Amino acid sequence: MFEIILLNCFKNLMFQRPHQLLKEFGRQGWLSVLYNLRASSSSMDLSSENFYIYNKTCPSPQKQDKRVLWIPYPPLYSEIGKFNEDLVIYDCIDYPGEEFSHWQKGLQVLRERADVIFVTSETLYQFNKNYRSKTFICKNGADFSHFSKAIHPDLKPPQDIKNIKRPIIGYMGAVAKWIDWRLIDALSKKKQFSLVFIGPLFGLSEPPVKASNIFYLGKKEYGELPNYLRFFDVCIIPFQKSNLTKACNPVKMYEYLSAGKSVVATDLDECRIDVVKVCSTHEGFYNGIMSSLKSTPKETIDKRIAFARENSWEQRVKLIRSVIEPKLQ
């Protein structure tokens, strides 16, 4: 049984790509370890087959077979060599600038010492162009079986959303500076719908825009998210255009589509797919929402769901394994 150890040094992370990949590796027969170097993410339900969590205590250097060390955060390059690993992976998931400028620390060393680099977007592939011989694109994906639960009509609305006036335009993810808050302000002033945000504040002390038709419901447990998604009439990815977002391949896009939802997004490279409406202006974004509120043919909904199913974390791990297992053998 191959082993994979994912290093984490952050508290209270949302359930995102690294954890999704790790759980899927466990499902596919690998021994998977989440090693929280400084603190546990105790609120996160990560129970899964072949999956173990270590908090502050280093896993034993003993191993059953070949071992992979998975590093998504460049400053953790200093942990290389401490785990008796056979392969080092750098998972390049974000552009190390702007809000993530601290990700520059150790970046060059990690690139040099990694055996394989995975990137989540075409922009990040170009960012690592000097390492193309060992760089592979592995985009984000969907926990399809989880988020497709939002399709079912018998899901009950959570208490804090049940009395919000429909239609509901919904967002799931970090409530952060990279959201286009001027756009949110403009949308709220149309008074045509409610805007609902699910997710924690990130780098903000409070939401920058407040209005009677904007609702910030905070961070929710991962298991609750389909219940909220069920009651979104349109889902949005309202990001500013920047180097950070240009490199972003939004996980939420795949999660929204798993439920067959209409998705309206800022015109970002990674959102330019035929099942997503991308908009280059604030007025265009509003028009995209309004057109998405109209009746949608079943074939269109089925196409969105099919896209999400084809881009599941299961498929992503199969791709990763096709790259790294020959190297381990």
C-alpha atoms as a PDB file:
ATOM      1  CA  MET A   1       0.000   0.000   0.000  1.00  0.00           C
ATOM      2  CA  PHE A   2       1.474   3.338  -1.059  1.00  0.00           C
ATOM      3  CA  GLU A   3       1.375   6.123   1.524  1.00  0.00           C
ATOM      4  CA  ILE A   4       0.738   9.850   1.188  1.00  0.00           C
ATOM      5  CA  ILE A   5       1.327  12.516   3.853  1.00  0.00           C
ATOM      6  CA  LEU A   6      -0.217  15.963   3.426  1.00  0.00           C
ATOM      7  CA  LEU A   7       1.334  18.740   5.498  1.00  0.00           C
ATOM      8  CA  ASN A   8      -0.869  21.476   6.979  1.00  0.00           C
ATOM      9  CA  CYS A   9       0.094  24.408   9.224  1.00  0.00           C
ATOM     10  CA  PHE A  10      -3.162  26.379   9.149  1.00  0.00           C
ATOM     11  CA  LYS A  11      -6.022  26.437  11.665  1.00  0.00           C
ATOM     12  CA  ASN A  12      -9.698  26.116  10.763  1.00  0.00           C
ATOM     13  CA  LEU A  13      -9.305  25.522   7.051  1.00  0.00           C
ATOM     14  CA  MET A  14     -12.345  25.101   4.876  1.00  0.00           C
ATOM     15  CA  PHE A  15     -12.694  21.657   3.329  1.00  0.00           C
ATOM     16  CA  GLN A  16     -10.787  22.229   0.105  1.00  0.00           C
ATOM     17  CA  ARG A  17      -8.627  20.598  -2.556  1.00  0.00           C
ATOM     18  CA  PRO A  18      -5.866  19.108  -0.335  1.00  0.00           C
ATOM     19  CA  HIS A  19      -8.366  17.368   1.941  1.00  0.00           C
ATOM     20  CA  GLN A  20     -10.537  16.214  -0.951  1.00  0.00           C
ATOM     21  CA  LEU A  21      -7.537  14.654  -2.684  1.00  0.00           C
ATOM     22  CA  LEU A  22      -6.362  12.991   0.509  1.00  0.00           C
ATOM     23  CA  LYS A  23      -9.734  11.402   1.226  1.00  0.00           C
ATOM     24  CA  GLU A  24      -9.969  10.191  -2.347  1.00  0.00           C
ATOM     25  CA  PHE A  25      -6.498   8.640  -2.180  1.00  0.00           C
ATOM     26  CA  GLY A  26      -7.779   6.702   0.836  1.00  0.00           C
ATOM     27  CA  ARG A  27     -10.834   5.533  -1.088  1.00  0.00           C
ATOM     28  CA  GLN A  28      -8.574   4.340  -3.890  1.00  0.00           C
ATOM     29  CA  GLY A  29      -6.471   2.205  -1.551  1.00  0.00           C
ATOM     30  CA  TRP A  30      -3.637   4.454  -0.426  1.00  0.00           C
ATOM     31  CA  LEU A  31      -2.751   4.992   3.244  1.00  0.00           C
ATOM     32  CA  SER A  32      -3.494   8.714   3.680  1.00  0.00           C
ATOM     33  CA  VAL A  33      -2.269  10.957   6.489  1.00  0.00           C
ATOM     34  CA  LEU A  34      -3.165  14.574   7.257  1.00  0.00           C
ATOM     35  CA  TYR A  35      -0.383  15.923   9.436  1.00  0.00           C
ATOM     36  CA  ASN A  36      -1.334  19.155  11.216  1.00  0.00           C
ATOM     37  CA  LEU A  37       2.031  20.528  12.262  1.00  0.00           C
ATOM     38  CA  ARG A  38       0.692  23.142  14.672  1.00  0.00           C
ATOM     39  CA  ALA A  39      -2.968  22.546  15.413  1.00  0.00           C
ATOM     40  CA  SER A  40      -5.851  20.335  14.473  1.00  0.00           C
ATOM     41  CA  SER A  41      -8.745  21.274  12.239  1.00  0.00           C
ATOM     42  CA  SER A  42     -11.119  19.631  14.677  1.00  0.00           C
ATOM     43  CA  SER A  43     -14.337  20.946  13.114  1.00  0.00           C
ATOM     44  CA  MET A  44     -13.614  19.178   9.854  1.00  0.00           C
ATOM     45  CA  ASP A  45     -15.192  15.767   9.313  1.00  0.00           C
ATOM     46  CA  LEU A  46     -12.512  13.803   7.520  1.00  0.00           C
ATOM     47  CA  SER A  47     -13.496  10.283   8.541  1.00  0.00           C
ATOM     48  CA  SER A  48     -12.745   7.956   5.656  1.00  0.00           C
ATOM     49  CA  GLU A  49     -11.244   4.608   4.808  1.00  0.00           C
ATOM     50  CA  ASN A  50      -7.424   4.386   5.049  1.00  0.00           C
ATOM     51  CA  PHE A  51      -7.322   7.927   6.471  1.00  0.00           C
ATOM     52  CA  TYR A  52      -5.486   9.128   9.597  1.00  0.00           C
ATOM     53  CA  ILE A  53      -4.946  12.513  11.252  1.00  0.00           C
ATOM     54  CA  TYR A  54      -1.885  13.456  13.296  1.00  0.00           C
ATOM     55  CA  ASN A  55      -1.847  16.658  15.347  1.00  0.00           C
ATOM     56  CA  LYS A  56       1.534  18.137  16.265  1.00  0.00           C
ATOM     57  CA  THR A  57       3.082  14.683  16.606  1.00  0.00           C
ATOM     58  CA  CYS A  58       5.122  13.490  13.646  1.00  0.00           C
ATOM     59  CA  PRO A  59       3.986  10.218  12.057  1.00  0.00           C
ATOM     60  CA  SER A  60       6.409   7.366  12.495  1.00  0.00           C
ATOM     61  CA  PRO A  61       9.197   7.259   9.895  1.00  0.00           C
ATOM     62  CA  GLN A  62       8.374   3.559   9.519  1.00  0.00           C
ATOM     63  CA  LYS A  63       6.398   2.873   6.373  1.00  0.00           C
ATOM     64  CA  GLN A  64       4.633  -0.041   4.733  1.00  0.00           C
ATOM     65  CA  ASP A  65       5.664   0.753   1.166  1.00  0.00           C
ATOM     66  CA  LYS A  66       6.697   3.802  -0.853  1.00  0.00           C
ATOM     67  CA  ARG A  67       5.758   7.177   0.649  1.00  0.00           C
ATOM     68  CA  VAL A  68       4.770  10.492  -0.944  1.00  0.00           C
ATOM     69  CA  LEU A  69       5.132  13.853   0.814  1.00  0.00           C
ATOM     70  CA  TRP A  70       2.501  16.310  -0.480  1.00  0.00           C
ATOM     71  CA  ILE A  71       3.214  20.022   0.077  1.00  0.00           C
ATOM     72  CA  PRO A  72       0.713  22.696  -1.052  1.00  0.00           C
ATOM     73  CA  TYR A  73       2.268  25.570   0.971  1.00  0.00           C
ATOM     74  CA  PRO A  74       5.811  26.546  -0.116  1.00  0.00           C
ATOM     75  CA  PRO A  75       7.145  27.654   3.318  1.00  0.00           C
ATOM     76  CA  LEU A  76       6.822  24.012   4.416  1.00  0.00           C
ATOM     77  CA  TYR A  77       9.742  23.064   2.129  1.00  0.00           C
ATOM     78  CA  SER A  78      11.817  22.792   5.337  1.00  0.00           C
ATOM     79  CA  GLU A  79       9.912  19.583   6.209  1.00  0.00           C
ATOM     80  CA  ILE A  80      11.359  17.733   3.207  1.00  0.00           C
ATOM     81  CA  GLY A  81      13.446  14.770   4.330  1.00  0.00           C
ATOM     82  CA  LYS A  82      11.823  14.338   7.735  1.00  0.00           C
ATOM     83  CA  PHE A  83       9.369  11.629   6.707  1.00  0.00           C
ATOM     84  CA  ASN A  84      11.559   9.062   4.977  1.00  0.00           C
ATOM     85  CA  GLU A  85       9.645   9.932   1.809  1.00  0.00           C
ATOM     86  CA  ASP A  86      10.361   8.538  -1.644  1.00  0.00           C
ATOM     87  CA  LEU A  87       8.681  11.297  -3.652  1.00  0.00           C
ATOM     88  CA  VAL A  88       8.016  14.992  -2.991  1.00  0.00           C
ATOM     89  CA  ILE A  89       5.014  16.675  -4.612  1.00  0.00           C
ATOM     90  CA  TYR A  90       4.486  20.427  -4.810  1.00  0.00           C
ATOM     91  CA  ASP A  91       0.801  21.093  -5.376  1.00  0.00           C
ATOM     92  CA  CYS A  92       0.735  24.632  -6.777  1.00  0.00           C
ATOM     93  CA  ILE A  93      -2.840  25.675  -6.051  1.00  0.00           C
ATOM     94  CA  ASP A  94      -2.643  29.481  -5.953  1.00  0.00           C
ATOM     95  CA  TYR A  95      -0.590  32.325  -7.365  1.00  0.00           C
ATOM     96  CA  PRO A  96       1.867  33.445  -4.639  1.00  0.00           C
ATOM     97  CA  GLY A  97       1.078  37.156  -4.747  1.00  0.00           C
ATOM     98  CA  GLU A  98      -1.313  39.786  -3.410  1.00  0.00           C
ATOM     99  CA  GLU A  99      -3.134  38.243  -0.403  1.00  0.00           C
ATOM    100  CA  PHE A 100      -0.922  35.159  -0.775  1.00  0.00           C
ATOM    101  CA  SER A 101       2.432  36.952  -1.128  1.00  0.00           C
ATOM    102  CA  HIS A 102       3.782  35.074   1.921  1.00  0.00           C
ATOM    103  CA  TRP A 103       3.613  31.933  -0.256  1.00  0.00           C
ATOM    104  CA  GLN A 104       6.775  33.197  -1.973  1.00  0.00           C
ATOM    105  CA  LYS A 105       8.892  32.022   0.956  1.00  0.00           C
ATOM    106  CA  GLY A 106      10.588  28.763   0.014  1.00  0.00           C
ATOM    107  CA  LEU A 107       8.934  28.680  -3.405  1.00  0.00           C
ATOM    108  CA  GLN A 108      12.144  28.376  -5.396  1.00  0.00           C
ATOM    109  CA  VAL A 109      13.604  25.722  -3.093  1.00  0.00           C
ATOM    110  CA  LEU A 110      10.403  23.670  -3.203  1.00  0.00           C
ATOM    111  CA  ARG A 111      10.270  23.837  -6.990  1.00  0.00           C
ATOM    112  CA  GLU A 112      13.846  22.602  -7.189  1.00  0.00           C
ATOM    113  CA  ARG A 113      13.447  19.788  -4.671  1.00  0.00           C
ATOM    114  CA  ALA A 114      10.006  18.547  -5.729  1.00  0.00           C
ATOM    115  CA  ASP A 115       9.976  15.448  -7.924  1.00  0.00           C
ATOM    116  CA  VAL A 116       6.610  16.439  -9.412  1.00  0.00           C
ATOM    117  CA  ILE A 117       4.708  19.731  -9.565  1.00  0.00           C
ATOM    118  CA  PHE A 118       0.948  19.733 -10.051  1.00  0.00           C
ATOM    119  CA  VAL A 119      -0.799  22.989 -11.008  1.00  0.00           C
ATOM    120  CA  THR A 120      -4.494  23.814 -11.026  1.00  0.00           C
ATOM    121  CA  SER A 121      -4.644  26.175 -14.023  1.00  0.00           C
ATOM    122  CA  GLU A 122      -3.035  27.079 -17.323  1.00  0.00           C
ATOM    123  CA  THR A 123      -1.755  30.315 -15.756  1.00  0.00           C
ATOM    124  CA  LEU A 124       0.034  28.404 -13.006  1.00  0.00           C
ATOM    125  CA  TYR A 125       1.490  26.060 -15.619  1.00  0.00           C
ATOM    126  CA  GLN A 126       3.050  29.093 -17.306  1.00  0.00           C
ATOM    127  CA  PHE A 127       4.164  30.366 -13.899  1.00  0.00           C
ATOM    128  CA  ASN A 128       6.168  27.143 -13.509  1.00  0.00           C
ATOM    129  CA  LYS A 129       7.367  27.096 -17.134  1.00  0.00           C
ATOM    130  CA  ASN A 130      11.027  26.614 -16.104  1.00  0.00           C
ATOM    131  CA  TYR A 131      10.031  23.250 -14.600  1.00  0.00           C
ATOM    132  CA  ARG A 132       7.854  21.939 -17.405  1.00  0.00           C
ATOM    133  CA  SER A 133       9.558  18.545 -17.506  1.00  0.00           C
ATOM    134  CA  LYS A 134       8.060  17.715 -14.117  1.00  0.00           C
ATOM    135  CA  THR A 135       4.926  19.916 -14.123  1.00  0.00           C
ATOM    136  CA  PHE A 136       1.431  18.573 -14.824  1.00  0.00           C
ATOM    137  CA  ILE A 137      -1.973  20.256 -14.906  1.00  0.00           C
ATOM    138  CA  CYS A 138      -4.446  18.770 -12.432  1.00  0.00           C
ATOM    139  CA  LYS A 139      -7.386  21.119 -12.088  1.00  0.00           C
ATOM    140  CA  ASN A 140      -9.759  21.259  -9.161  1.00  0.00           C
ATOM    141  CA  GLY A 141     -12.857  19.118  -9.072  1.00  0.00           C
ATOM    142  CA  ALA A 142     -16.125  18.210  -7.420  1.00  0.00           C
ATOM    143  CA  ASP A 143     -17.085  16.065  -4.477  1.00  0.00           C
ATOM    144  CA  PHE A 144     -19.864  15.057  -6.814  1.00  0.00           C
ATOM    145  CA  SER A 145     -21.681  12.577  -4.602  1.00  0.00           C
ATOM    146  CA  HIS A 146     -21.837  15.175  -1.814  1.00  0.00           C
ATOM    147  CA  PHE A 147     -22.937  18.285  -3.701  1.00  0.00           C
ATOM    148  CA  SER A 148     -25.292  16.477  -6.048  1.00  0.00           C
ATOM    149  CA  LYS A 149     -27.456  15.846  -2.963  1.00  0.00           C
ATOM    150  CA  ALA A 150     -28.681  19.416  -3.504  1.00  0.00           C
ATOM    151  CA  ILE A 151     -30.664  18.157  -6.492  1.00  0.00           C
ATOM    152  CA  HIS A 152     -33.115  16.291  -4.276  1.00  0.00           C
ATOM    153  CA  PRO A 153     -36.353  18.196  -3.571  1.00  0.00           C
ATOM    154  CA  ASP A 154     -36.809  16.650  -0.106  1.00  0.00           C
ATOM    155  CA  LEU A 155     -33.889  18.577   1.418  1.00  0.00           C
ATOM    156  CA  LYS A 156     -35.133  20.940   4.101  1.00  0.00           C
ATOM    157  CA  PRO A 157     -33.992  24.582   4.193  1.00  0.00           C
ATOM    158  CA  PRO A 158     -31.698  25.462   7.112  1.00  0.00           C
ATOM    159  CA  GLN A 159     -33.250  27.809   9.653  1.00  0.00           C
ATOM    160  CA  ASP A 160     -31.163  30.846   8.699  1.00  0.00           C
ATOM    161  CA  ILE A 161     -32.090  30.692   5.002  1.00  0.00           C
ATOM    162  CA  LYS A 162     -35.698  29.490   5.065  1.00  0.00           C
ATOM    163  CA  ASN A 163     -37.194  32.971   5.503  1.00  0.00           C
ATOM    164  CA  ILE A 164     -34.917  34.824   3.070  1.00  0.00           C
ATOM    165  CA  LYS A 165     -36.900  36.168   0.150  1.00  0.00           C
ATOM    166  CA  ARG A 166     -36.438  34.340  -3.152  1.00  0.00           C
ATOM    167  CA  PRO A 167     -34.898  34.435  -5.637  1.00  0.00           C
ATOM    168  CA  ILE A 168     -31.633  33.764  -3.825  1.00  0.00           C
ATOM    169  CA  ILE A 169     -28.328  34.474  -5.550  1.00  0.00           C
ATOM    170  CA  GLY A 170     -25.797  32.394  -3.645  1.00  0.00           C
ATOM    171  CA  TYR A 171     -22.051  32.276  -3.033  1.00  0.00           C
ATOM    172  CA  MET A 172     -20.103  29.609  -1.136  1.00  0.00           C
ATOM    173  CA  GLY A 173     -16.479  30.213  -0.192  1.00  0.00           C
ATOM    174  CA  ALA A 174     -14.187  32.653   1.560  1.00  0.00           C
ATOM    175  CA  VAL A 175     -15.630  36.126   2.070  1.00  0.00           C
ATOM    176  CA  ALA A 176     -12.439  37.864   1.060  1.00  0.00           C
ATOM    177  CA  LYS A 177     -10.829  40.899  -0.544  1.00  0.00           C
ATOM    178  CA  TRP A 178     -10.688  39.208  -3.944  1.00  0.00           C
ATOM    179  CA  ILE A 179     -14.489  39.398  -4.256  1.00  0.00           C
ATOM    180  CA  ASP A 180     -15.560  42.314  -6.438  1.00  0.00           C
ATOM    181  CA  TRP A 181     -17.342  44.280  -3.741  1.00  0.00           C
ATOM    182  CA  ARG A 182     -18.257  47.098  -6.117  1.00  0.00           C
ATOM    183  CA  LEU A 183     -20.120  44.477  -8.128  1.00  0.00           C
ATOM    184  CA  ILE A 184     -21.897  43.171  -5.011  1.00  0.00           C
ATOM    185  CA  ASP A 185     -22.914  46.706  -4.112  1.00  0.00           C
ATOM    186  CA  ALA A 186     -24.252  47.317  -7.632  1.00  0.00           C
ATOM    187  CA  LEU A 187     -26.188  44.031  -7.625  1.00  0.00           C
ATOM    188  CA  SER A 188     -27.758  44.728  -4.233  1.00  0.00           C
ATOM    189  CA  LYS A 189     -29.002  48.123  -5.427  1.00  0.00           C
ATOM    190  CA  LYS A 190     -31.019  46.459  -8.197  1.00  0.00           C
ATOM    191  CA  LYS A 191     -33.362  45.151  -5.465  1.00  0.00           C
ATOM    192  CA  GLN A 192     -34.307  42.206  -7.691  1.00  0.00           C
ATOM    193  CA  PHE A 193     -33.083  39.362  -5.459  1.00  0.00           C
ATOM    194  CA  SER A 194     -31.409  38.375  -2.196  1.00  0.00           C
ATOM    195  CA  LEU A 195     -27.646  37.837  -2.072  1.00  0.00           C
ATOM    196  CA  VAL A 196     -26.540  35.073   0.320  1.00  0.00           C
ATOM    197  CA  PHE A 197     -22.915  34.408   1.304  1.00  0.00           C
ATOM    198  CA  ILE A 198     -21.879  31.131   2.938  1.00  0.00           C
ATOM    199  CA  GLY A 199     -18.308  31.089   4.247  1.00  0.00           C
ATOM    200  CA  PRO A 200     -15.880  32.607   6.736  1.00  0.00           C
ATOM    201  CA  LEU A 201     -14.338  36.057   6.624  1.00  0.00           C
ATOM    202  CA  PHE A 202     -10.812  35.863   5.201  1.00  0.00           C
ATOM    203  CA  GLY A 203      -8.497  38.847   5.655  1.00  0.00           C
ATOM    204  CA  LEU A 204     -11.489  41.049   6.549  1.00  0.00           C
ATOM    205  CA  SER A 205     -12.798  42.202   9.915  1.00  0.00           C
ATOM    206  CA  GLU A 206     -16.289  42.608   8.474  1.00  0.00           C
ATOM    207  CA  PRO A 207     -18.006  42.393   5.079  1.00  0.00           C
ATOM    208  CA  PRO A 208     -17.269  45.527   3.016  1.00  0.00           C
ATOM    209  CA  VAL A 209     -20.835  45.882   1.684  1.00  0.00           C
ATOM    210  CA  LYS A 210     -23.999  45.748   3.744  1.00  0.00           C
ATOM    211  CA  ALA A 211     -27.599  46.082   2.581  1.00  0.00           C
ATOM    212  CA  SER A 212     -31.036  44.839   3.542  1.00  0.00           C
ATOM    213  CA  ASN A 213     -30.950  42.211   0.781  1.00  0.00           C
ATOM    214  CA  ILE A 214     -27.437  40.890   1.524  1.00  0.00           C
ATOM    215  CA  PHE A 215     -27.144  38.037   4.034  1.00  0.00           C
ATOM    216  CA  TYR A 216     -23.808  36.822   5.450  1.00  0.00           C
ATOM    217  CA  LEU A 217     -24.525  33.474   7.069  1.00  0.00           C
ATOM    218  CA  GLY A 218     -20.955  32.607   8.026  1.00  0.00           C
ATOM    219  CA  LYS A 219     -19.024  29.362   7.833  1.00  0.00           C
ATOM    220  CA  LYS A 220     -21.057  26.155   7.785  1.00  0.00           C
ATOM    221  CA  GLU A 221     -20.137  22.555   8.405  1.00  0.00           C
ATOM    222  CA  TYR A 222     -19.201  20.753   5.205  1.00  0.00           C
ATOM    223  CA  GLY A 223     -22.082  18.318   5.592  1.00  0.00           C
ATOM    224  CA  GLU A 224     -24.601  21.187   5.632  1.00  0.00           C
ATOM    225  CA  LEU A 225     -23.511  22.820   2.370  1.00  0.00           C
ATOM    226  CA  PRO A 226     -25.840  20.863   0.015  1.00  0.00           C
ATOM    227  CA  ASN A 227     -28.821  22.001   2.120  1.00  0.00           C
ATOM    228  CA  TYR A 228     -27.906  25.616   1.432  1.00  0.00           C
ATOM    229  CA  LEU A 229     -27.001  25.012  -2.202  1.00  0.00           C
ATOM    230  CA  ARG A 230     -30.437  23.445  -2.730  1.00  0.00           C
ATOM    231  CA  PHE A 231     -32.061  26.852  -2.151  1.00  0.00           C
ATOM    232  CA  PHE A 232     -29.752  28.938  -4.361  1.00  0.00           C
ATOM    233  CA  ASP A 233     -31.611  29.986  -7.503  1.00  0.00           C
ATOM    234  CA  VAL A 234     -28.384  31.149  -9.178  1.00  0.00           C
ATOM    235  CA  CYS A 235     -24.789  30.621  -8.016  1.00  0.00           C
ATOM    236  CA  ILE A 236     -22.106  33.247  -8.485  1.00  0.00           C
ATOM    237  CA  ILE A 237     -18.327  33.598  -8.673  1.00  0.00           C
ATOM    238  CA  PRO A 238     -18.018  37.409  -8.354  1.00  0.00           C
ATOM    239  CA  PHE A 239     -14.236  37.834  -8.295  1.00  0.00           C
ATOM    240  CA  GLN A 240     -12.142  40.855  -9.136  1.00  0.00           C
ATOM    241  CA  LYS A 241      -9.758  40.339 -12.035  1.00  0.00           C
ATOM    242  CA  SER A 242      -6.194  40.156 -10.734  1.00  0.00           C
ATOM    243  CA  ASN A 243      -3.094  37.976 -10.974  1.00  0.00           C
ATOM    244  CA  LEU A 244      -4.452  35.949  -8.059  1.00  0.00           C
ATOM    245  CA  THR A 245      -7.867  35.255  -9.580  1.00  0.00           C
ATOM    246  CA  LYS A 246      -6.481  34.832 -13.114  1.00  0.00           C
ATOM    247  CA  ALA A 247      -4.646  31.767 -11.803  1.00  0.00           C
ATOM    248  CA  CYS A 248      -7.664  30.478  -9.888  1.00  0.00           C
ATOM    249  CA  ASN A 249      -9.576  27.357 -10.888  1.00  0.00           C
ATOM    250  CA  PRO A 250     -12.565  27.708  -8.528  1.00  0.00           C
ATOM    251  CA  VAL A 251     -13.587  24.601  -6.610  1.00  0.00           C
ATOM    252  CA  LYS A 252     -17.003  26.195  -6.062  1.00  0.00           C
ATOM    253  CA  MET A 253     -17.643  26.132  -9.812  1.00  0.00           C
ATOM    254  CA  TYR A 254     -17.582  22.329  -9.815  1.00  0.00           C
ATOM    255  CA  GLU A 255     -19.603  22.147  -6.601  1.00  0.00           C
ATOM    256  CA  TYR A 256     -22.340  24.412  -7.968  1.00  0.00           C
ATOM    257  CA  LEU A 257     -22.518  22.429 -11.208  1.00  0.00           C
ATOM    258  CA  SER A 258     -22.836  19.137  -9.311  1.00  0.00           C
ATOM    259  CA  ALA A 259     -26.300  20.327  -8.324  1.00  0.00           C
ATOM    260  CA  GLY A 260     -27.148  21.425 -11.872  1.00  0.00           C
ATOM    261  CA  LYS A 261     -27.210  25.075 -10.830  1.00  0.00           C
ATOM    262  CA  SER A 262     -26.862  28.079 -13.127  1.00  0.00           C
ATOM    263  CA  VAL A 263     -23.425  29.640 -12.582  1.00  0.00           C
ATOM    264  CA  VAL A 264     -22.596  33.261 -13.364  1.00  0.00           C
ATOM    265  CA  ALA A 265     -18.930  34.256 -13.055  1.00  0.00           C
ATOM    266  CA  THR A 266     -16.519  37.071 -13.666  1.00  0.00           C
ATOM    267  CA  ASP A 267     -14.756  36.565 -16.999  1.00  0.00           C
ATOM    268  CA  LEU A 268     -11.853  34.484 -15.675  1.00  0.00           C
ATOM    269  CA  ASP A 269      -9.826  32.126 -17.873  1.00  0.00           C
ATOM    270  CA  GLU A 270     -10.701  29.025 -15.871  1.00  0.00           C
ATOM    271  CA  CYS A 271     -14.439  29.796 -15.895  1.00  0.00           C
ATOM    272  CA  ARG A 272     -14.686  29.956 -19.681  1.00  0.00           C
ATOM    273  CA  ILE A 273     -16.553  26.706 -20.170  1.00  0.00           C
ATOM    274  CA  ASP A 274     -19.838  26.245 -21.975  1.00  0.00           C
ATOM    275  CA  VAL A 275     -21.856  25.450 -18.840  1.00  0.00           C
ATOM    276  CA  VAL A 276     -20.909  28.736 -17.096  1.00  0.00           C
ATOM    277  CA  LYS A 277     -21.935  32.286 -18.017  1.00  0.00           C
ATOM    278  CA  VAL A 278     -18.925  34.605 -17.841  1.00  0.00           C
ATOM    279  CA  CYS A 279     -19.408  38.377 -17.728  1.00  0.00           C
ATOM    280  CA  SER A 280     -16.919  41.179 -18.269  1.00  0.00           C
ATOM    281  CA  THR A 281     -18.970  44.094 -16.837  1.00  0.00           C
ATOM    282  CA  HIS A 282     -21.139  44.697 -13.796  1.00  0.00           C
ATOM    283  CA  GLU A 283     -24.211  45.222 -15.963  1.00  0.00           C
ATOM    284  CA  GLY A 284     -23.389  42.062 -17.897  1.00  0.00           C
ATOM    285  CA  PHE A 285     -23.158  40.149 -14.603  1.00  0.00           C
ATOM    286  CA  TYR A 286     -26.585  41.428 -13.564  1.00  0.00           C
ATOM    287  CA  ASN A 287     -28.036  40.477 -16.952  1.00  0.00           C
ATOM    288  CA  GLY A 288     -26.452  37.042 -16.622  1.00  0.00           C
ATOM    289  CA  ILE A 289     -28.191  36.538 -13.288  1.00  0.00           C
ATOM    290  CA  MET A 290     -31.545  37.708 -14.616  1.00  0.00           C
ATOM    291  CA  SER A 291     -31.386  35.454 -17.677  1.00  0.00           C
ATOM    292  CA  SER A 292     -30.372  32.529 -15.436  1.00  0.00           C
ATOM    293  CA  LEU A 293     -33.500  33.014 -13.346  1.00  0.00           C
ATOM    294  CA  LYS A 294     -35.647  32.064 -16.329  1.00  0.00           C
ATOM    295  CA  SER A 295     -36.791  28.478 -16.815  1.00  0.00           C
ATOM    296  CA  THR A 296     -33.893  26.192 -17.716  1.00  0.00           C
ATOM    297  CA  PRO A 297     -34.284  23.188 -20.064  1.00  0.00           C
ATOM    298  CA  LYS A 298     -33.621  19.804 -18.478  1.00  0.00           C
ATOM    299  CA  GLU A 299     -30.943  19.116 -21.105  1.00  0.00           C
ATOM    300  CA  THR A 300     -28.987  22.139 -19.878  1.00  0.00           C
ATOM    301  CA  ILE A 301     -29.213  21.029 -16.254  1.00  0.00           C
ATOM    302  CA  ASP A 302     -28.139  17.510 -17.223  1.00  0.00           C
ATOM    303  CA  LYS A 303     -25.165  18.929 -19.112  1.00  0.00           C
ATOM    304  CA  ARG A 304     -23.981  20.831 -16.035  1.00  0.00           C
ATOM    305  CA  ILE A 305     -24.295  17.744 -13.865  1.00  0.00           C
ATOM    306  CA  ALA A 306     -22.449  15.612 -16.414  1.00  0.00           C
ATOM    307  CA  PHE A 307     -19.590  18.123 -16.515  1.00  0.00           C
ATOM    308  CA  ALA A 308     -19.235  18.018 -12.730  1.00  0.00           C
ATOM    309  CA  ARG A 309     -19.353  14.218 -12.671  1.00  0.00           C
ATOM    310  CA  GLU A 310     -16.614  14.040 -15.304  1.00  0.00           C
ATOM    311  CA  ASN A 311     -14.488  16.424 -13.224  1.00  0.00           C
ATOM    312  CA  SER A 312     -14.785  14.712  -9.852  1.00  0.00           C
ATOM    313  CA  TRP A 313     -11.994  14.300  -7.297  1.00  0.00           C
ATOM    314  CA  GLU A 314     -12.077  10.605  -8.149  1.00  0.00           C
ATOM    315  CA  GLN A 315     -10.987  11.428 -11.698  1.00  0.00           C
ATOM    316  CA  ARG A 316      -8.353  13.880 -10.443  1.00  0.00           C
ATOM    317  CA  VAL A 317      -6.718  11.283  -8.188  1.00  0.00           C
ATOM    318  CA  LYS A 318      -6.690   8.761 -11.021  1.00  0.00           C
ATOM    319  CA  LEU A 319      -4.790  11.342 -13.094  1.00  0.00           C
ATOM    320  CA  ILE A 320      -2.321  12.008 -10.255  1.00  0.00           C
ATOM    321  CA  ARG A 321      -1.737   8.302  -9.732  1.00  0.00           C
ATOM    322  CA  SER A 322      -1.022   7.843 -13.442  1.00  0.00           C
ATOM    323  CA  VAL A 323       1.838  10.319 -13.038  1.00  0.00           C
ATOM    324  CA  ILE A 324       3.360   9.335  -9.704  1.00  0.00           C
ATOM    325  CA  GLU A 325       2.876   5.559  -9.388  1.00  0.00           C
ATOM    326  CA  PRO A 326       5.304   4.762 -12.240  1.00  0.00           C
ATOM    327  CA  LYS A 327       7.885   6.919 -10.464  1.00  0.00           C
ATOM    328  CA  LEU A 328       7.328   5.078  -7.190  1.00  0.00           C
ATOM    329  CA  GLN A 329       7.716   1.708  -8.875  1.00  0.00           C
END
